[in-house]
Amino acid sequence: MNDKTIIPSVIQIETVAGICNYACIMCPIDQSLRTEIMDNERFTQILLKLAPYLSHQKLLSFCGLGEMLIDKQVHEKIRIAKELGFRGTGIYSNGELLSAEIARRLFDAHLDTLIVSIDGFTAETEAKIRVGSHLEKVVANMERFIALREEHEWKTRLMIRFTKQALNAHEERDFYNFWSARIKSQHHDTISIYHVHNVGGSACFTDALSEKVLAEIKSRKLKCPEIYERLDIASDGSLHFCCGDQFGYYHIGNILESDVAELYNSPHFVAYREAMEQGNILDLELCKNCSVAYSIATRAILKPD
């Protein structure tokens, strides 16, 4: 390694690919390249490839084009990661499958953070955005999760995530008030508000890439933190260039076959970082139709009142 070598601090692993109980309007899961649940053996192999760089690692998230709680072994994966010394474990979920039994398993495995995406204050709005959802069930699941955590003094942090777009912007304040009254500051729970984003190189989701968003990206000369800190690993071990590259736009390589530092500092990564340093993010092929950088730059992380 040299002085310019960048080692990712945030590891994202797609343990469930192409399988979900929802059909969210902003999610391109129907274009997923794979339909599978990662087994524990492959998961362990991936972590062992990452282990030499543990001193750089801060977060390990289970996230991708799929619902992570569909994996009946997800709690075991958390346990494996903890045993190998990985920190900041987090699972992204829509919350609908979060039964009492699954909650207990996650607590027992010492999951650090559960991130639950909910995009409506009303069931009507939630169902328009998260097609197939049942908001009353999700709310009941989350209230039970919080109650179990208090009863057993478990430490898992809860983040409620709201993806703001035209269909739900009018509900943002009611949404915050509702969840602020339920989450707990002593557990460092938060509510995060993100502007909806599309994914690089794909058809534009109208709300995500308006002229206003493009102007903001250009005027701020935004750099996307995704290619400076996050390593996005697909279910087969191959690398996505970033979270906006869900379809293998660039063939970076496979973590099971190559060294992490070499992959993360390969020519495409270096070229994109250099262009971003010069304020030219919108000239980049994978970034010119992507609003992830804007969504990250404008997010609001709110604590309960």
C-alpha atoms as a PDB file:
ATOM      1  CA  MET A   1       0.000   0.000   0.000  1.00  0.00           C
ATOM      2  CA  ASN A   2       1.080   3.601  -0.598  1.00  0.00           C
ATOM      3  CA  ASP A   3      -0.004   6.916   0.913  1.00  0.00           C
ATOM      4  CA  LYS A   4      -2.897   7.217  -1.551  1.00  0.00           C
ATOM      5  CA  THR A   5      -4.318   3.778  -0.851  1.00  0.00           C
ATOM      6  CA  ILE A   6      -7.854   3.969   0.529  1.00  0.00           C
ATOM      7  CA  ILE A   7      -9.239   1.169   2.687  1.00  0.00           C
ATOM      8  CA  PRO A   8     -13.035   1.135   3.093  1.00  0.00           C
ATOM      9  CA  SER A   9     -14.408   1.652   6.579  1.00  0.00           C
ATOM     10  CA  VAL A  10     -18.016   0.757   5.764  1.00  0.00           C
ATOM     11  CA  ILE A  11     -18.709  -2.759   4.521  1.00  0.00           C
ATOM     12  CA  GLN A  12     -22.052  -3.513   2.884  1.00  0.00           C
ATOM     13  CA  ILE A  13     -22.936  -7.128   2.075  1.00  0.00           C
ATOM     14  CA  GLU A  14     -25.953  -8.206   0.040  1.00  0.00           C
ATOM     15  CA  THR A  15     -26.963 -11.316   1.977  1.00  0.00           C
ATOM     16  CA  VAL A  16     -30.337 -11.459   0.200  1.00  0.00           C
ATOM     17  CA  ALA A  17     -30.503 -10.656  -3.517  1.00  0.00           C
ATOM     18  CA  GLY A  18     -33.570 -10.218  -5.686  1.00  0.00           C
ATOM     19  CA  ILE A  19     -36.050 -11.467  -3.069  1.00  0.00           C
ATOM     20  CA  CYS A  20     -38.455  -9.169  -1.217  1.00  0.00           C
ATOM     21  CA  ASN A  21     -41.969  -9.124   0.178  1.00  0.00           C
ATOM     22  CA  TYR A  22     -42.480  -5.558  -1.125  1.00  0.00           C
ATOM     23  CA  ALA A  23     -42.329  -3.938  -4.567  1.00  0.00           C
ATOM     24  CA  CYS A  24     -41.320  -0.356  -3.718  1.00  0.00           C
ATOM     25  CA  ILE A  25     -41.789   2.097  -6.574  1.00  0.00           C
ATOM     26  CA  MET A  26     -38.234   3.479  -6.332  1.00  0.00           C
ATOM     27  CA  CYS A  27     -36.500   0.092  -6.075  1.00  0.00           C
ATOM     28  CA  PRO A  28     -35.117  -1.670  -9.190  1.00  0.00           C
ATOM     29  CA  ILE A  29     -35.276  -5.147  -7.629  1.00  0.00           C
ATOM     30  CA  ASP A  30     -36.993  -6.490 -10.745  1.00  0.00           C
ATOM     31  CA  GLN A  31     -33.680  -5.923 -12.552  1.00  0.00           C
ATOM     32  CA  SER A  32     -31.599  -7.752  -9.940  1.00  0.00           C
ATOM     33  CA  LEU A  33     -28.799  -9.817 -11.461  1.00  0.00           C
ATOM     34  CA  ARG A  34     -29.237 -12.590  -8.892  1.00  0.00           C
ATOM     35  CA  THR A  35     -31.977 -14.268  -6.893  1.00  0.00           C
ATOM     36  CA  GLU A  36     -30.411 -15.937  -3.887  1.00  0.00           C
ATOM     37  CA  ILE A  37     -29.762 -15.972  -0.171  1.00  0.00           C
ATOM     38  CA  MET A  38     -26.085 -16.014   0.751  1.00  0.00           C
ATOM     39  CA  ASP A  39     -25.184 -19.056   2.826  1.00  0.00           C
ATOM     40  CA  ASN A  40     -23.130 -18.760   5.990  1.00  0.00           C
ATOM     41  CA  GLU A  41     -20.106 -20.421   4.414  1.00  0.00           C
ATOM     42  CA  ARG A  42     -19.750 -17.794   1.691  1.00  0.00           C
ATOM     43  CA  PHE A  43     -20.478 -15.042   4.201  1.00  0.00           C
ATOM     44  CA  THR A  44     -17.667 -16.314   6.437  1.00  0.00           C
ATOM     45  CA  GLN A  45     -15.279 -16.557   3.484  1.00  0.00           C
ATOM     46  CA  ILE A  46     -15.985 -12.933   2.613  1.00  0.00           C
ATOM     47  CA  LEU A  47     -15.373 -11.784   6.181  1.00  0.00           C
ATOM     48  CA  LEU A  48     -12.090 -13.684   6.296  1.00  0.00           C
ATOM     49  CA  LYS A  49     -10.965 -11.789   3.188  1.00  0.00           C
ATOM     50  CA  LEU A  50     -11.831  -8.545   4.976  1.00  0.00           C
ATOM     51  CA  ALA A  51     -10.245  -9.533   8.291  1.00  0.00           C
ATOM     52  CA  PRO A  52      -6.719  -8.213   7.514  1.00  0.00           C
ATOM     53  CA  TYR A  53      -8.232  -4.715   7.320  1.00  0.00           C
ATOM     54  CA  LEU A  54     -10.299  -4.843  10.509  1.00  0.00           C
ATOM     55  CA  SER A  55      -8.459  -1.872  11.995  1.00  0.00           C
ATOM     56  CA  HIS A  56     -10.079   0.315   9.316  1.00  0.00           C
ATOM     57  CA  GLN A  57     -13.579  -1.155   9.647  1.00  0.00           C
ATOM     58  CA  LYS A  58     -16.331   0.821  11.423  1.00  0.00           C
ATOM     59  CA  LEU A  59     -19.644  -0.477  10.075  1.00  0.00           C
ATOM     60  CA  LEU A  60     -20.853  -3.767   8.616  1.00  0.00           C
ATOM     61  CA  SER A  61     -24.306  -3.517   7.071  1.00  0.00           C
ATOM     62  CA  PHE A  62     -26.561  -6.166   5.578  1.00  0.00           C
ATOM     63  CA  CYS A  63     -28.174  -4.410   2.633  1.00  0.00           C
ATOM     64  CA  GLY A  64     -28.907  -4.816  -1.065  1.00  0.00           C
ATOM     65  CA  LEU A  65     -31.711  -5.502  -3.504  1.00  0.00           C
ATOM     66  CA  GLY A  66     -33.709  -7.664  -1.134  1.00  0.00           C
ATOM     67  CA  GLU A  67     -35.329  -7.938   2.298  1.00  0.00           C
ATOM     68  CA  MET A  68     -32.626  -9.039   4.720  1.00  0.00           C
ATOM     69  CA  LEU A  69     -34.996 -10.700   7.218  1.00  0.00           C
ATOM     70  CA  ILE A  70     -36.013 -13.259   4.586  1.00  0.00           C
ATOM     71  CA  ASP A  71     -32.675 -14.916   5.437  1.00  0.00           C
ATOM     72  CA  LYS A  72     -33.514 -17.292   8.289  1.00  0.00           C
ATOM     73  CA  GLN A  73     -29.812 -17.391   9.193  1.00  0.00           C
ATOM     74  CA  VAL A  74     -29.319 -13.640   9.428  1.00  0.00           C
ATOM     75  CA  HIS A  75     -28.869 -13.771  13.204  1.00  0.00           C
ATOM     76  CA  GLU A  76     -26.150 -16.405  12.765  1.00  0.00           C
ATOM     77  CA  LYS A  77     -24.369 -14.136  10.307  1.00  0.00           C
ATOM     78  CA  ILE A  78     -24.413 -11.373  12.911  1.00  0.00           C
ATOM     79  CA  ARG A  79     -22.967 -13.796  15.436  1.00  0.00           C
ATOM     80  CA  ILE A  80     -20.231 -14.902  13.012  1.00  0.00           C
ATOM     81  CA  ALA A  81     -19.297 -11.285  12.285  1.00  0.00           C
ATOM     82  CA  LYS A  82     -19.104 -10.461  15.981  1.00  0.00           C
ATOM     83  CA  GLU A  83     -16.934 -13.487  16.699  1.00  0.00           C
ATOM     84  CA  LEU A  84     -14.520 -12.406  13.964  1.00  0.00           C
ATOM     85  CA  GLY A  85     -14.230  -8.922  15.459  1.00  0.00           C
ATOM     86  CA  PHE A  86     -16.396  -6.844  13.125  1.00  0.00           C
ATOM     87  CA  ARG A  87     -17.978  -3.731  14.602  1.00  0.00           C
ATOM     88  CA  GLY A  88     -21.110  -1.705  13.968  1.00  0.00           C
ATOM     89  CA  THR A  89     -23.340  -4.445  12.589  1.00  0.00           C
ATOM     90  CA  GLY A  90     -26.540  -3.191  10.994  1.00  0.00           C
ATOM     91  CA  ILE A  91     -29.489  -4.710   9.143  1.00  0.00           C
ATOM     92  CA  TYR A  92     -31.706  -2.829   6.699  1.00  0.00           C
ATOM     93  CA  SER A  93     -35.310  -4.015   6.657  1.00  0.00           C
ATOM     94  CA  ASN A  94     -38.867  -2.973   5.882  1.00  0.00           C
ATOM     95  CA  GLY A  95     -39.900  -4.318   9.293  1.00  0.00           C
ATOM     96  CA  GLU A  96     -42.863  -6.397   8.175  1.00  0.00           C
ATOM     97  CA  LEU A  97     -41.201  -9.760   8.913  1.00  0.00           C
ATOM     98  CA  LEU A  98     -39.861  -8.680  12.313  1.00  0.00           C
ATOM     99  CA  SER A  99     -41.623 -11.230  14.506  1.00  0.00           C
ATOM    100  CA  ALA A 100     -40.980 -11.504  18.238  1.00  0.00           C
ATOM    101  CA  GLU A 101     -38.828 -14.586  17.612  1.00  0.00           C
ATOM    102  CA  ILE A 102     -36.688 -12.873  14.979  1.00  0.00           C
ATOM    103  CA  ALA A 103     -36.311  -9.844  17.247  1.00  0.00           C
ATOM    104  CA  ARG A 104     -35.076 -12.039  20.105  1.00  0.00           C
ATOM    105  CA  ARG A 105     -32.586 -13.776  17.818  1.00  0.00           C
ATOM    106  CA  LEU A 106     -31.201 -10.445  16.648  1.00  0.00           C
ATOM    107  CA  PHE A 107     -30.950  -9.168  20.208  1.00  0.00           C
ATOM    108  CA  ASP A 108     -29.233 -12.383  21.332  1.00  0.00           C
ATOM    109  CA  ALA A 109     -26.722 -12.065  18.473  1.00  0.00           C
ATOM    110  CA  HIS A 110     -25.941  -8.519  19.714  1.00  0.00           C
ATOM    111  CA  LEU A 111     -27.007  -6.691  16.567  1.00  0.00           C
ATOM    112  CA  ASP A 112     -25.830  -3.095  16.905  1.00  0.00           C
ATOM    113  CA  THR A 113     -28.379  -1.282  14.731  1.00  0.00           C
ATOM    114  CA  LEU A 114     -31.656  -2.110  13.026  1.00  0.00           C
ATOM    115  CA  ILE A 115     -32.543   0.289  10.194  1.00  0.00           C
ATOM    116  CA  VAL A 116     -36.219   0.119   9.245  1.00  0.00           C
ATOM    117  CA  SER A 117     -37.487   1.926   6.163  1.00  0.00           C
ATOM    118  CA  ILE A 118     -41.020   3.299   6.423  1.00  0.00           C
ATOM    119  CA  ASP A 119     -42.233   5.889   3.930  1.00  0.00           C
ATOM    120  CA  GLY A 120     -45.692   6.864   5.096  1.00  0.00           C
ATOM    121  CA  PHE A 121     -47.427   8.253   8.146  1.00  0.00           C
ATOM    122  CA  THR A 122     -50.684   6.872   6.766  1.00  0.00           C
ATOM    123  CA  ALA A 123     -51.229   3.342   5.495  1.00  0.00           C
ATOM    124  CA  GLU A 124     -52.509   4.761   2.215  1.00  0.00           C
ATOM    125  CA  THR A 125     -49.286   6.626   1.488  1.00  0.00           C
ATOM    126  CA  GLU A 126     -47.109   3.744   2.646  1.00  0.00           C
ATOM    127  CA  ALA A 127     -48.950   1.352   0.329  1.00  0.00           C
ATOM    128  CA  LYS A 128     -48.550   3.677  -2.660  1.00  0.00           C
ATOM    129  CA  ILE A 129     -44.781   3.795  -2.202  1.00  0.00           C
ATOM    130  CA  ARG A 130     -44.060   0.430  -0.588  1.00  0.00           C
ATOM    131  CA  VAL A 131     -46.394  -1.740  -2.601  1.00  0.00           C
ATOM    132  CA  GLY A 132     -47.461  -4.802  -0.644  1.00  0.00           C
ATOM    133  CA  SER A 133     -46.907  -3.182   2.747  1.00  0.00           C
ATOM    134  CA  HIS A 134     -49.190  -3.306   5.783  1.00  0.00           C
ATOM    135  CA  LEU A 135     -48.322  -0.293   7.911  1.00  0.00           C
ATOM    136  CA  GLU A 136     -50.322  -1.371  10.965  1.00  0.00           C
ATOM    137  CA  LYS A 137     -48.334  -4.612  11.123  1.00  0.00           C
ATOM    138  CA  VAL A 138     -45.007  -2.802  10.750  1.00  0.00           C
ATOM    139  CA  VAL A 139     -45.901  -0.341  13.517  1.00  0.00           C
ATOM    140  CA  ALA A 140     -46.969  -3.199  15.804  1.00  0.00           C
ATOM    141  CA  ASN A 141     -43.713  -5.031  15.065  1.00  0.00           C
ATOM    142  CA  MET A 142     -41.648  -1.966  15.886  1.00  0.00           C
ATOM    143  CA  GLU A 143     -43.549  -1.227  19.092  1.00  0.00           C
ATOM    144  CA  ARG A 144     -43.024  -4.831  20.210  1.00  0.00           C
ATOM    145  CA  PHE A 145     -39.327  -4.613  19.292  1.00  0.00           C
ATOM    146  CA  ILE A 146     -38.972  -1.490  21.436  1.00  0.00           C
ATOM    147  CA  ALA A 147     -40.888  -3.073  24.331  1.00  0.00           C
ATOM    148  CA  LEU A 148     -38.774  -6.245  24.247  1.00  0.00           C
ATOM    149  CA  ARG A 149     -35.620  -4.159  24.191  1.00  0.00           C
ATOM    150  CA  GLU A 150     -36.730  -2.249  27.276  1.00  0.00           C
ATOM    151  CA  GLU A 151     -37.894  -5.373  29.096  1.00  0.00           C
ATOM    152  CA  HIS A 152     -34.624  -7.253  28.614  1.00  0.00           C
ATOM    153  CA  GLU A 153     -32.309  -4.209  28.591  1.00  0.00           C
ATOM    154  CA  TRP A 154     -30.925  -5.091  25.178  1.00  0.00           C
ATOM    155  CA  LYS A 155     -28.682  -2.537  23.495  1.00  0.00           C
ATOM    156  CA  THR A 156     -29.654  -2.616  19.807  1.00  0.00           C
ATOM    157  CA  ARG A 157     -30.112   0.871  18.362  1.00  0.00           C
ATOM    158  CA  LEU A 158     -33.089   1.639  16.123  1.00  0.00           C
ATOM    159  CA  MET A 159     -33.062   3.922  13.113  1.00  0.00           C
ATOM    160  CA  ILE A 160     -36.336   4.713  11.356  1.00  0.00           C
ATOM    161  CA  ARG A 161     -35.642   5.792   7.781  1.00  0.00           C
ATOM    162  CA  PHE A 162     -38.005   7.961   5.711  1.00  0.00           C
ATOM    163  CA  THR A 163     -37.341   8.406   1.986  1.00  0.00           C
ATOM    164  CA  LYS A 164     -38.846  11.773   1.104  1.00  0.00           C
ATOM    165  CA  GLN A 165     -40.530  12.120  -2.288  1.00  0.00           C
ATOM    166  CA  ALA A 166     -43.575  13.739  -3.913  1.00  0.00           C
ATOM    167  CA  LEU A 167     -46.014  11.144  -2.583  1.00  0.00           C
ATOM    168  CA  ASN A 168     -45.080  11.543   1.092  1.00  0.00           C
ATOM    169  CA  ALA A 169     -43.450  14.959   1.600  1.00  0.00           C
ATOM    170  CA  HIS A 170     -46.651  16.320   3.146  1.00  0.00           C
ATOM    171  CA  GLU A 171     -46.478  13.652   5.876  1.00  0.00           C
ATOM    172  CA  GLU A 172     -42.914  14.314   7.031  1.00  0.00           C
ATOM    173  CA  ARG A 173     -43.828  16.286  10.170  1.00  0.00           C
ATOM    174  CA  ASP A 174     -46.547  13.843  11.278  1.00  0.00           C
ATOM    175  CA  PHE A 175     -44.157  10.967  10.587  1.00  0.00           C
ATOM    176  CA  TYR A 176     -41.471  12.519  12.782  1.00  0.00           C
ATOM    177  CA  ASN A 177     -43.890  13.281  15.612  1.00  0.00           C
ATOM    178  CA  PHE A 178     -45.282   9.746  15.565  1.00  0.00           C
ATOM    179  CA  TRP A 179     -41.945   7.939  15.669  1.00  0.00           C
ATOM    180  CA  SER A 180     -40.257  10.489  17.921  1.00  0.00           C
ATOM    181  CA  ALA A 181     -42.777   9.566  20.612  1.00  0.00           C
ATOM    182  CA  ARG A 182     -41.793   5.888  20.352  1.00  0.00           C
ATOM    183  CA  ILE A 183     -38.048   5.622  19.848  1.00  0.00           C
ATOM    184  CA  LYS A 184     -35.653   6.085  22.782  1.00  0.00           C
ATOM    185  CA  SER A 185     -32.862   8.623  23.155  1.00  0.00           C
ATOM    186  CA  GLN A 186     -31.037   6.473  25.720  1.00  0.00           C
ATOM    187  CA  HIS A 187     -30.464   3.899  22.973  1.00  0.00           C
ATOM    188  CA  HIS A 188     -29.324   6.621  20.548  1.00  0.00           C
ATOM    189  CA  ASP A 189     -32.301   5.879  18.295  1.00  0.00           C
ATOM    190  CA  THR A 190     -32.799   8.262  15.370  1.00  0.00           C
ATOM    191  CA  ILE A 191     -35.134   9.145  12.539  1.00  0.00           C
ATOM    192  CA  SER A 192     -33.355   9.750   9.248  1.00  0.00           C
ATOM    193  CA  ILE A 193     -34.873  11.690   6.359  1.00  0.00           C
ATOM    194  CA  TYR A 194     -33.345  11.093   2.925  1.00  0.00           C
ATOM    195  CA  HIS A 195     -34.277  12.639  -0.407  1.00  0.00           C
ATOM    196  CA  VAL A 196     -35.253   9.816  -2.739  1.00  0.00           C
ATOM    197  CA  HIS A 197     -32.437   8.799  -5.076  1.00  0.00           C
ATOM    198  CA  ASN A 198     -32.125   6.744  -8.209  1.00  0.00           C
ATOM    199  CA  VAL A 199     -29.196   4.513  -9.113  1.00  0.00           C
ATOM    200  CA  GLY A 200     -26.348   5.429 -11.428  1.00  0.00           C
ATOM    201  CA  GLY A 201     -26.703   4.616 -15.087  1.00  0.00           C
ATOM    202  CA  SER A 202     -30.358   3.605 -14.775  1.00  0.00           C
ATOM    203  CA  ALA A 203     -33.586   5.212 -15.899  1.00  0.00           C
ATOM    204  CA  CYS A 204     -34.282   8.340 -13.896  1.00  0.00           C
ATOM    205  CA  PHE A 205     -36.808   8.318 -11.064  1.00  0.00           C
ATOM    206  CA  THR A 206     -38.379  11.741 -11.628  1.00  0.00           C
ATOM    207  CA  ASP A 207     -38.310  12.925  -8.008  1.00  0.00           C
ATOM    208  CA  ALA A 208     -34.708  11.843  -7.639  1.00  0.00           C
ATOM    209  CA  LEU A 209     -33.011  13.784 -10.419  1.00  0.00           C
ATOM    210  CA  SER A 210     -34.823  17.067 -10.952  1.00  0.00           C
ATOM    211  CA  GLU A 211     -33.142  20.164 -12.365  1.00  0.00           C
ATOM    212  CA  LYS A 212     -32.918  21.462  -8.785  1.00  0.00           C
ATOM    213  CA  VAL A 213     -30.996  18.371  -7.683  1.00  0.00           C
ATOM    214  CA  LEU A 214     -28.608  18.597 -10.641  1.00  0.00           C
ATOM    215  CA  ALA A 215     -27.999  22.287  -9.933  1.00  0.00           C
ATOM    216  CA  GLU A 216     -27.261  21.556  -6.268  1.00  0.00           C
ATOM    217  CA  ILE A 217     -24.815  18.777  -7.148  1.00  0.00           C
ATOM    218  CA  LYS A 218     -23.001  21.083  -9.580  1.00  0.00           C
ATOM    219  CA  SER A 219     -22.931  24.199  -7.389  1.00  0.00           C
ATOM    220  CA  ARG A 220     -21.722  22.304  -4.327  1.00  0.00           C
ATOM    221  CA  LYS A 221     -19.153  20.354  -6.360  1.00  0.00           C
ATOM    222  CA  LEU A 222     -20.250  17.318  -4.410  1.00  0.00           C
ATOM    223  CA  LYS A 223     -18.009  14.354  -3.849  1.00  0.00           C
ATOM    224  CA  CYS A 224     -19.811  11.098  -3.236  1.00  0.00           C
ATOM    225  CA  PRO A 225     -18.574   9.432  -0.030  1.00  0.00           C
ATOM    226  CA  GLU A 226     -19.591   6.043  -1.416  1.00  0.00           C
ATOM    227  CA  ILE A 227     -16.309   5.526  -3.280  1.00  0.00           C
ATOM    228  CA  TYR A 228     -14.174   6.823  -0.422  1.00  0.00           C
ATOM    229  CA  GLU A 229     -15.493   4.733   2.446  1.00  0.00           C
ATOM    230  CA  ARG A 230     -18.040   2.071   1.423  1.00  0.00           C
ATOM    231  CA  LEU A 231     -17.280  -1.372  -0.019  1.00  0.00           C
ATOM    232  CA  ASP A 232     -20.439  -2.812  -1.603  1.00  0.00           C
ATOM    233  CA  ILE A 233     -20.313  -6.601  -1.938  1.00  0.00           C
ATOM    234  CA  ALA A 234     -22.927  -8.496  -3.972  1.00  0.00           C
ATOM    235  CA  SER A 235     -24.356 -11.850  -2.935  1.00  0.00           C
ATOM    236  CA  ASP A 236     -21.882 -13.763  -5.121  1.00  0.00           C
ATOM    237  CA  GLY A 237     -18.873 -11.889  -3.739  1.00  0.00           C
ATOM    238  CA  SER A 238     -18.481  -9.575  -6.721  1.00  0.00           C
ATOM    239  CA  LEU A 239     -18.064  -5.862  -6.066  1.00  0.00           C
ATOM    240  CA  HIS A 240     -20.540  -3.183  -6.964  1.00  0.00           C
ATOM    241  CA  PHE A 241     -18.710   0.044  -7.743  1.00  0.00           C
ATOM    242  CA  CYS A 242     -20.946   1.773  -5.184  1.00  0.00           C
ATOM    243  CA  CYS A 243     -24.471   1.548  -3.783  1.00  0.00           C
ATOM    244  CA  GLY A 244     -25.748   3.191  -6.971  1.00  0.00           C
ATOM    245  CA  ASP A 245     -24.213   0.467  -9.121  1.00  0.00           C
ATOM    246  CA  GLN A 246     -26.522  -2.472  -8.500  1.00  0.00           C
ATOM    247  CA  PHE A 247     -26.101  -3.961 -11.963  1.00  0.00           C
ATOM    248  CA  GLY A 248     -22.343  -4.408 -12.291  1.00  0.00           C
ATOM    249  CA  TYR A 249     -21.733  -1.417 -14.575  1.00  0.00           C
ATOM    250  CA  TYR A 250     -18.028  -1.867 -14.022  1.00  0.00           C
ATOM    251  CA  HIS A 251     -16.588  -5.327 -13.528  1.00  0.00           C
ATOM    252  CA  ILE A 252     -14.382  -4.538 -10.554  1.00  0.00           C
ATOM    253  CA  GLY A 253     -13.702  -8.113  -9.467  1.00  0.00           C
ATOM    254  CA  ASN A 254     -14.679 -10.569  -6.757  1.00  0.00           C
ATOM    255  CA  ILE A 255     -13.597 -10.289  -3.139  1.00  0.00           C
ATOM    256  CA  LEU A 256     -13.295 -14.069  -2.897  1.00  0.00           C
ATOM    257  CA  GLU A 257     -10.613 -13.999  -5.582  1.00  0.00           C
ATOM    258  CA  SER A 258      -8.723 -10.735  -4.987  1.00  0.00           C
ATOM    259  CA  ASP A 259      -7.312  -8.507  -2.258  1.00  0.00           C
ATOM    260  CA  VAL A 260      -9.606  -5.819  -0.851  1.00  0.00           C
ATOM    261  CA  ALA A 261      -7.041  -3.023  -1.098  1.00  0.00           C
ATOM    262  CA  GLU A 262      -6.273  -3.868  -4.720  1.00  0.00           C
ATOM    263  CA  LEU A 263      -9.948  -3.928  -5.682  1.00  0.00           C
ATOM    264  CA  TYR A 264     -10.812  -0.683  -3.894  1.00  0.00           C
ATOM    265  CA  ASN A 265      -7.885   1.147  -5.489  1.00  0.00           C
ATOM    266  CA  SER A 266      -8.283  -0.251  -8.989  1.00  0.00           C
ATOM    267  CA  PRO A 267      -8.284   2.132 -12.001  1.00  0.00           C
ATOM    268  CA  HIS A 268     -12.019   2.937 -12.042  1.00  0.00           C
ATOM    269  CA  PHE A 269     -12.010   3.942  -8.365  1.00  0.00           C
ATOM    270  CA  VAL A 270      -8.889   6.088  -8.782  1.00  0.00           C
ATOM    271  CA  ALA A 271     -10.232   7.826 -11.907  1.00  0.00           C
ATOM    272  CA  TYR A 272     -13.592   8.625 -10.307  1.00  0.00           C
ATOM    273  CA  ARG A 273     -11.989   9.981  -7.145  1.00  0.00           C
ATOM    274  CA  GLU A 274      -9.689  12.227  -9.157  1.00  0.00           C
ATOM    275  CA  ALA A 275     -12.624  13.596 -11.155  1.00  0.00           C
ATOM    276  CA  MET A 276     -14.617  14.263  -7.990  1.00  0.00           C
ATOM    277  CA  GLU A 277     -11.682  16.098  -6.428  1.00  0.00           C
ATOM    278  CA  GLN A 278     -11.847  18.436  -9.432  1.00  0.00           C
ATOM    279  CA  GLY A 279     -15.602  18.974  -9.008  1.00  0.00           C
ATOM    280  CA  ASN A 280     -16.512  17.012 -12.116  1.00  0.00           C
ATOM    281  CA  ILE A 281     -18.908  14.442 -10.666  1.00  0.00           C
ATOM    282  CA  LEU A 282     -21.576  15.102 -13.325  1.00  0.00           C
ATOM    283  CA  ASP A 283     -19.097  14.282 -16.096  1.00  0.00           C
ATOM    284  CA  LEU A 284     -18.708  10.729 -14.823  1.00  0.00           C
ATOM    285  CA  GLU A 285     -20.622   8.057 -16.692  1.00  0.00           C
ATOM    286  CA  LEU A 286     -21.996   6.298 -13.622  1.00  0.00           C
ATOM    287  CA  CYS A 287     -22.674   9.518 -11.694  1.00  0.00           C
ATOM    288  CA  LYS A 288     -24.263  11.835 -14.255  1.00  0.00           C
ATOM    289  CA  ASN A 289     -27.730  10.313 -13.725  1.00  0.00           C
ATOM    290  CA  CYS A 290     -27.276   9.469 -10.046  1.00  0.00           C
ATOM    291  CA  SER A 291     -28.551  11.451  -7.062  1.00  0.00           C
ATOM    292  CA  VAL A 292     -27.015   9.399  -4.244  1.00  0.00           C
ATOM    293  CA  ALA A 293     -24.437  12.107  -3.463  1.00  0.00           C
ATOM    294  CA  TYR A 294     -27.227  14.691  -3.135  1.00  0.00           C
ATOM    295  CA  SER A 295     -29.328  12.373  -0.961  1.00  0.00           C
ATOM    296  CA  ILE A 296     -26.403  11.848   1.409  1.00  0.00           C
ATOM    297  CA  ALA A 297     -25.425  15.537   1.495  1.00  0.00           C
ATOM    298  CA  THR A 298     -28.962  16.695   2.327  1.00  0.00           C
ATOM    299  CA  ARG A 299     -30.032  13.949   4.731  1.00  0.00           C
ATOM    300  CA  ALA A 300     -31.330  14.850   8.166  1.00  0.00           C
ATOM    301  CA  ILE A 301     -30.556  12.624  11.154  1.00  0.00           C
ATOM    302  CA  LEU A 302     -33.069  13.557  13.847  1.00  0.00           C
ATOM    303  CA  LYS A 303     -33.213  12.599  17.503  1.00  0.00           C
ATOM    304  CA  PRO A 304     -36.472  12.064  19.378  1.00  0.00           C
ATOM    305  CA  ASP A 305     -37.936  15.112  21.137  1.00  0.00           C
END
